[in-house]
């Protein structure tokens, strides 16, 4: 259980960093002109799904921890 939680926290931090960095680039885009721009947009949305997944898992563990 402890190893799984540690892994989820690490992946949560990594996905939040990726969302932040790709989000800055997506905001700066005016138009999708190349494959790289398209890849950045797809990476942003894909990482957003993973971020929400880890957020929900960690939140449920936190709520379960405080539940007696």
PDB file of N, CA and C in Angstrom:
ATOM      1  N   UNK A   1       0.825  -1.199   0.000  1.00  0.00           N
ATOM      2  CA  UNK A   1       0.000   0.000   0.000  1.00  0.00           C
ATOM      3  C   UNK A   1       0.863   1.253   0.000  1.00  0.00           C
ATOM      4  N   UNK A   2       1.913   1.242   0.809  1.00  0.00           N
ATOM      5  CA  UNK A   2       2.774   2.415   0.891  1.00  0.00           C
ATOM      6  C   UNK A   2       3.512   2.667  -0.431  1.00  0.00           C
ATOM      7  N   UNK A   3       3.973   1.578  -1.065  1.00  0.00           N
ATOM      8  CA  UNK A   3       4.690   1.708  -2.335  1.00  0.00           C
ATOM      9  C   UNK A   3       3.766   2.247  -3.427  1.00  0.00           C
ATOM     10  N   UNK A   4       2.531   1.787  -3.435  1.00  0.00           N
ATOM     11  CA  UNK A   4       1.571   2.242  -4.440  1.00  0.00           C
ATOM     12  C   UNK A   4       1.252   3.726  -4.258  1.00  0.00           C
ATOM     13  N   UNK A   5       1.097   4.150  -3.011  1.00  0.00           N
ATOM     14  CA  UNK A   5       0.811   5.561  -2.734  1.00  0.00           C
ATOM     15  C   UNK A   5       1.985   6.437  -3.120  1.00  0.00           C
ATOM     16  N   UNK A   6       3.195   6.000  -2.814  1.00  0.00           N
ATOM     17  CA  UNK A   6       4.390   6.758  -3.186  1.00  0.00           C
ATOM     18  C   UNK A   6       4.491   6.902  -4.698  1.00  0.00           C
ATOM     19  N   UNK A   7       4.210   5.831  -5.417  1.00  0.00           N
ATOM     20  CA  UNK A   7       4.247   5.870  -6.872  1.00  0.00           C
ATOM     21  C   UNK A   7       3.191   6.839  -7.411  1.00  0.00           C
ATOM     22  N   UNK A   8       2.003   6.835  -6.828  1.00  0.00           N
ATOM     23  CA  UNK A   8       0.955   7.745  -7.273  1.00  0.00           C
ATOM     24  C   UNK A   8       1.314   9.192  -7.001  1.00  0.00           C
ATOM     25  N   UNK A   9       1.945   9.471  -5.869  1.00  0.00           N
ATOM     26  CA  UNK A   9       2.358  10.842  -5.555  1.00  0.00           C
ATOM     27  C   UNK A   9       3.417  11.312  -6.546  1.00  0.00           C
ATOM     28  N   UNK A  10       4.377  10.456  -6.850  1.00  0.00           N
ATOM     29  CA  UNK A  10       5.425  10.817  -7.809  1.00  0.00           C
ATOM     30  C   UNK A  10       4.826  11.074  -9.190  1.00  0.00           C
ATOM     31  N   UNK A  11       3.935  10.203  -9.640  1.00  0.00           N
ATOM     32  CA  UNK A  11       3.303  10.395 -10.948  1.00  0.00           C
ATOM     33  C   UNK A  11       2.393  11.622 -10.955  1.00  0.00           C
ATOM     34  N   UNK A  12       1.757  11.914  -9.835  1.00  0.00           N
ATOM     35  CA  UNK A  12       0.935  13.118  -9.717  1.00  0.00           C
ATOM     36  C   UNK A  12       1.795  14.367  -9.885  1.00  0.00           C
ATOM     37  N   UNK A  13       2.954  14.383  -9.252  1.00  0.00           N
ATOM     38  CA  UNK A  13       3.863  15.534  -9.368  1.00  0.00           C
ATOM     39  C   UNK A  13       4.374  15.671 -10.795  1.00  0.00           C
ATOM     40  N   UNK A  14       4.752  14.554 -11.414  1.00  0.00           N
ATOM     41  CA  UNK A  14       5.266  14.594 -12.788  1.00  0.00           C
ATOM     42  C   UNK A  14       4.196  15.094 -13.755  1.00  0.00           C
ATOM     43  N   UNK A  15       2.959  14.582 -13.617  1.00  0.00           N
ATOM     44  CA  UNK A  15       1.905  15.023 -14.526  1.00  0.00           C
ATOM     45  C   UNK A  15       1.544  16.490 -14.306  1.00  0.00           C
ATOM     46  N   UNK A  16       1.616  16.958 -13.066  1.00  0.00           N
ATOM     47  CA  UNK A  16       1.315  18.376 -12.832  1.00  0.00           C
ATOM     48  C   UNK A  16       2.385  19.272 -13.461  1.00  0.00           C
ATOM     49  N   UNK A  17       3.639  18.851 -13.423  1.00  0.00           N
ATOM     50  CA  UNK A  17       4.711  19.622 -14.071  1.00  0.00           C
ATOM     51  C   UNK A  17       4.509  19.632 -15.587  1.00  0.00           C
ATOM     52  N   UNK A  18       4.179  18.473 -16.162  1.00  0.00           N
ATOM     53  CA  UNK A  18       3.963  18.394 -17.611  1.00  0.00           C
ATOM     54  C   UNK A  18       2.769  19.243 -18.024  1.00  0.00           C
ATOM     55  N   UNK A  19       1.690  19.213 -17.240  1.00  0.00           N
ATOM     56  CA  UNK A  19       0.517  20.035 -17.568  1.00  0.00           C
ATOM     57  C   UNK A  19       0.880  21.508 -17.534  1.00  0.00           C
ATOM     58  N   UNK A  20       1.635  21.914 -16.532  1.00  0.00           N
ATOM     59  CA  UNK A  20       2.017  23.316 -16.413  1.00  0.00           C
ATOM     60  C   UNK A  20       2.864  23.757 -17.603  1.00  0.00           C
ATOM     61  N   UNK A  21       3.876  22.968 -17.956  1.00  0.00           N
ATOM     62  CA  UNK A  21       4.782  23.344 -19.043  1.00  0.00           C
ATOM     63  C   UNK A  21       4.081  23.318 -20.407  1.00  0.00           C
ATOM     64  N   UNK A  22       3.305  22.270 -20.667  1.00  0.00           N
ATOM     65  CA  UNK A  22       2.611  22.214 -21.957  1.00  0.00           C
ATOM     66  C   UNK A  22       1.484  23.231 -22.018  1.00  0.00           C
ATOM     67  N   UNK A  23       0.878  23.526 -20.869  1.00  0.00           N
ATOM     68  CA  UNK A  23      -0.167  24.549 -20.827  1.00  0.00           C
ATOM     69  C   UNK A  23       0.358  25.918 -21.219  1.00  0.00           C
ATOM     70  N   UNK A  24       1.569  26.243 -20.768  1.00  0.00           N
ATOM     71  CA  UNK A  24       2.181  27.522 -21.172  1.00  0.00           C
ATOM     72  C   UNK A  24       2.382  27.573 -22.679  1.00  0.00           C
ATOM     73  N   UNK A  25       2.801  26.463 -23.258  1.00  0.00           N
ATOM     74  CA  UNK A  25       3.013  26.439 -24.712  1.00  0.00           C
ATOM     75  C   UNK A  25       1.700  26.474 -25.489  1.00  0.00           C
ATOM     76  N   UNK A  26       0.680  25.779 -24.967  1.00  0.00           N
ATOM     77  CA  UNK A  26      -0.618  25.767 -25.640  1.00  0.00           C
ATOM     78  C   UNK A  26      -1.232  27.168 -25.612  1.00  0.00           C
ATOM     79  N   UNK A  27      -1.085  27.869 -24.502  1.00  0.00           N
ATOM     80  CA  UNK A  27      -1.604  29.232 -24.415  1.00  0.00           C
ATOM     81  C   UNK A  27      -0.902  30.147 -25.412  1.00  0.00           C
ATOM     82  N   UNK A  28       0.402  29.946 -25.603  1.00  0.00           N
ATOM     83  CA  UNK A  28       1.172  30.790 -26.516  1.00  0.00           C
ATOM     84  C   UNK A  28       0.900  30.473 -27.990  1.00  0.00           C
ATOM     85  N   UNK A  29       0.307  29.310 -28.274  1.00  0.00           N
ATOM     86  CA  UNK A  29       0.026  28.946 -29.667  1.00  0.00           C
ATOM     87  C   UNK A  29      -1.073  29.830 -30.246  1.00  0.00           C
ATOM     88  N   UNK A  30      -0.847  30.273 -31.445  1.00  0.00           N
ATOM     89  CA  UNK A  30      -1.880  31.015 -32.154  1.00  0.00           C
ATOM     90  C   UNK A  30      -2.625  30.092 -33.122  1.00  0.00           C
ATOM     91  N   UNK A  31      -1.910  29.135 -33.672  1.00  0.00           N
ATOM     92  CA  UNK A  31      -2.499  28.192 -34.618  1.00  0.00           C
ATOM     93  C   UNK A  31      -1.634  26.939 -34.636  1.00  0.00           C
ATOM     94  N   UNK A  32      -2.239  25.811 -34.896  1.00  0.00           N
ATOM     95  CA  UNK A  32      -1.478  24.572 -35.007  1.00  0.00           C
ATOM     96  C   UNK A  32      -0.897  24.516 -36.411  1.00  0.00           C
ATOM     97  N   UNK A  33       0.399  24.740 -36.476  1.00  0.00           N
ATOM     98  CA  UNK A  33       1.057  24.834 -37.777  1.00  0.00           C
ATOM     99  C   UNK A  33       1.938  23.630 -38.098  1.00  0.00           C
ATOM    100  N   UNK A  34       2.310  22.871 -37.084  1.00  0.00           N
ATOM    101  CA  UNK A  34       3.198  21.745 -37.341  1.00  0.00           C
ATOM    102  C   UNK A  34       2.779  20.560 -36.474  1.00  0.00           C
ATOM    103  N   UNK A  35       3.435  19.457 -36.717  1.00  0.00           N
ATOM    104  CA  UNK A  35       3.163  18.258 -35.936  1.00  0.00           C
ATOM    105  C   UNK A  35       3.567  18.461 -34.482  1.00  0.00           C
ATOM    106  N   UNK A  36       4.596  19.235 -34.245  1.00  0.00           N
ATOM    107  CA  UNK A  36       5.045  19.514 -32.880  1.00  0.00           C
ATOM    108  C   UNK A  36       3.972  20.255 -32.098  1.00  0.00           C
ATOM    109  N   UNK A  37       3.330  21.218 -32.727  1.00  0.00           N
ATOM    110  CA  UNK A  37       2.240  21.938 -32.058  1.00  0.00           C
ATOM    111  C   UNK A  37       1.087  20.999 -31.741  1.00  0.00           C
ATOM    112  N   UNK A  38       0.750  20.143 -32.688  1.00  0.00           N
ATOM    113  CA  UNK A  38      -0.321  19.173 -32.476  1.00  0.00           C
ATOM    114  C   UNK A  38       0.040  18.211 -31.349  1.00  0.00           C
ATOM    115  N   UNK A  39       1.298  17.780 -31.313  1.00  0.00           N
ATOM    116  CA  UNK A  39       1.762  16.878 -30.265  1.00  0.00           C
ATOM    117  C   UNK A  39       1.673  17.544 -28.891  1.00  0.00           C
ATOM    118  N   UNK A  40       1.993  18.822 -28.801  1.00  0.00           N
ATOM    119  CA  UNK A  40       1.911  19.534 -27.521  1.00  0.00           C
ATOM    120  C   UNK A  40       0.468  19.615 -27.028  1.00  0.00           C
ATOM    121  N   UNK A  41      -0.461  19.873 -27.939  1.00  0.00           N
ATOM    122  CA  UNK A  41      -1.873  19.942 -27.554  1.00  0.00           C
ATOM    123  C   UNK A  41      -2.357  18.569 -27.100  1.00  0.00           C
ATOM    124  N   UNK A  42      -2.004  17.522 -27.829  1.00  0.00           N
ATOM    125  CA  UNK A  42      -2.423  16.176 -27.447  1.00  0.00           C
ATOM    126  C   UNK A  42      -1.790  15.755 -26.125  1.00  0.00           C
ATOM    127  N   UNK A  43      -0.530  16.098 -25.915  1.00  0.00           N
ATOM    128  CA  UNK A  43       0.144  15.783 -24.654  1.00  0.00           C
ATOM    129  C   UNK A  43      -0.529  16.495 -23.487  1.00  0.00           C
ATOM    130  N   UNK A  44      -0.949  17.729 -23.698  1.00  0.00           N
ATOM    131  CA  UNK A  44      -1.637  18.483 -22.662  1.00  0.00           C
ATOM    132  C   UNK A  44      -2.924  17.783 -22.233  1.00  0.00           C
ATOM    133  N   UNK A  45      -3.745  17.379 -23.183  1.00  0.00           N
ATOM    134  CA  UNK A  45      -5.015  16.747 -22.848  1.00  0.00           C
ATOM    135  C   UNK A  45      -4.830  15.332 -22.291  1.00  0.00           C
ATOM    136  N   UNK A  46      -3.899  14.576 -22.841  1.00  0.00           N
ATOM    137  CA  UNK A  46      -3.642  13.228 -22.340  1.00  0.00           C
ATOM    138  C   UNK A  46      -3.121  13.276 -20.910  1.00  0.00           C
ATOM    139  N   UNK A  47      -2.199  14.195 -20.638  1.00  0.00           N
ATOM    140  CA  UNK A  47      -1.660  14.340 -19.293  1.00  0.00           C
ATOM    141  C   UNK A  47      -2.727  14.857 -18.336  1.00  0.00           C
ATOM    142  N   UNK A  48      -3.646  15.674 -18.846  1.00  0.00           N
ATOM    143  CA  UNK A  48      -4.745  16.149 -18.011  1.00  0.00           C
ATOM    144  C   UNK A  48      -5.613  15.016 -17.513  1.00  0.00           C
ATOM    145  N   UNK A  49      -5.851  14.024 -18.359  1.00  0.00           N
ATOM    146  CA  UNK A  49      -6.639  12.855 -17.962  1.00  0.00           C
ATOM    147  C   UNK A  49      -5.893  12.058 -16.890  1.00  0.00           C
ATOM    148  N   UNK A  50      -4.596  11.857 -17.082  1.00  0.00           N
ATOM    149  CA  UNK A  50      -3.805  11.144 -16.080  1.00  0.00           C
ATOM    150  C   UNK A  50      -3.747  11.913 -14.764  1.00  0.00           C
ATOM    151  N   UNK A  51      -3.617  13.243 -14.858  1.00  0.00           N
ATOM    152  CA  UNK A  51      -3.579  14.084 -13.667  1.00  0.00           C
ATOM    153  C   UNK A  51      -4.868  13.931 -12.859  1.00  0.00           C
ATOM    154  N   UNK A  52      -6.001  13.973 -13.537  1.00  0.00           N
ATOM    155  CA  UNK A  52      -7.284  13.806 -12.839  1.00  0.00           C
ATOM    156  C   UNK A  52      -7.405  12.413 -12.221  1.00  0.00           C
ATOM    157  N   UNK A  53      -6.900  11.410 -12.902  1.00  0.00           N
ATOM    158  CA  UNK A  53      -6.935  10.051 -12.382  1.00  0.00           C
ATOM    159  C   UNK A  53      -6.149   9.951 -11.073  1.00  0.00           C
ATOM    160  N   UNK A  54      -4.921  10.450 -11.060  1.00  0.00           N
ATOM    161  CA  UNK A  54      -4.107  10.388  -9.846  1.00  0.00           C
ATOM    162  C   UNK A  54      -4.672  11.282  -8.752  1.00  0.00           C
ATOM    163  N   UNK A  55      -5.246  12.405  -9.116  1.00  0.00           N
ATOM    164  CA  UNK A  55      -5.856  13.290  -8.129  1.00  0.00           C
ATOM    165  C   UNK A  55      -7.033  12.606  -7.435  1.00  0.00           C
ATOM    166  N   UNK A  56      -7.862  11.935  -8.191  1.00  0.00           N
ATOM    167  CA  UNK A  56      -9.017  11.240  -7.614  1.00  0.00           C
ATOM    168  C   UNK A  56      -8.567  10.088  -6.723  1.00  0.00           C
ATOM    169  N   UNK A  57      -7.565   9.330  -7.166  1.00  0.00           N
ATOM    170  CA  UNK A  57      -7.079   8.207  -6.358  1.00  0.00           C
ATOM    171  C   UNK A  57      -6.486   8.698  -5.037  1.00  0.00           C
ATOM    172  N   UNK A  58      -5.655   9.727  -5.102  1.00  0.00           N
ATOM    173  CA  UNK A  58      -5.039  10.235  -3.884  1.00  0.00           C
ATOM    174  C   UNK A  58      -6.060  10.902  -2.971  1.00  0.00           C
ATOM    175  N   UNK A  59      -7.034  11.567  -3.546  1.00  0.00           N
ATOM    176  CA  UNK A  59      -8.083  12.194  -2.730  1.00  0.00           C
ATOM    177  C   UNK A  59      -8.909  11.142  -2.000  1.00  0.00           C
ATOM    178  N   UNK A  60      -9.228  10.050  -2.685  1.00  0.00           N
ATOM    179  CA  UNK A  60     -10.002   8.992  -2.028  1.00  0.00           C
ATOM    180  C   UNK A  60      -9.192   8.346  -0.910  1.00  0.00           C
ATOM    181  N   UNK A  61      -7.883   8.203  -1.087  1.00  0.00           N
ATOM    182  CA  UNK A  61      -7.048   7.657  -0.019  1.00  0.00           C
ATOM    183  C   UNK A  61      -6.982   8.616   1.161  1.00  0.00           C
ATOM    184  N   UNK A  62      -6.918   9.905   0.876  1.00  0.00           N
ATOM    185  CA  UNK A  62      -6.871  10.893   1.947  1.00  0.00           C
ATOM    186  C   UNK A  62      -8.183  10.920   2.721  1.00  0.00           C
ATOM    187  N   UNK A  63      -9.290  10.853   2.015  1.00  0.00           N
ATOM    188  CA  UNK A  63     -10.601  10.817   2.683  1.00  0.00           C
ATOM    189  C   UNK A  63     -10.743   9.527   3.486  1.00  0.00           C
ATOM    190  N   UNK A  64     -10.274   8.425   2.929  1.00  0.00           N
ATOM    191  CA  UNK A  64     -10.316   7.152   3.652  1.00  0.00           C
ATOM    192  C   UNK A  64      -9.431   7.149   4.886  1.00  0.00           C
ATOM    193  N   UNK A  65      -8.351   7.901   4.830  1.00  0.00           N
ATOM    194  CA  UNK A  65      -7.451   7.983   5.983  1.00  0.00           C
ATOM    195  C   UNK A  65      -8.113   8.702   7.142  1.00  0.00           C
ATOM    196  N   UNK A  66      -8.874   9.752   6.852  1.00  0.00           N
ATOM    197  CA  UNK A  66      -9.541  10.515   7.899  1.00  0.00           C
ATOM    198  C   UNK A  66     -10.870   9.910   8.311  1.00  0.00           C
ATOM    199  N   UNK A  67     -11.333   8.910   7.589  1.00  0.00           N
ATOM    200  CA  UNK A  67     -12.571   8.221   7.926  1.00  0.00           C
ATOM    201  C   UNK A  67     -12.266   7.172   8.989  1.00  0.00           C
ATOM    202  N   UNK A  68     -12.898   7.225  10.097  1.00  0.00           N
ATOM    203  CA  UNK A  68     -12.626   6.271  11.163  1.00  0.00           C
ATOM    204  C   UNK A  68     -13.462   5.069  10.930  1.00  0.00           C
TER     205      UNK A  68
END
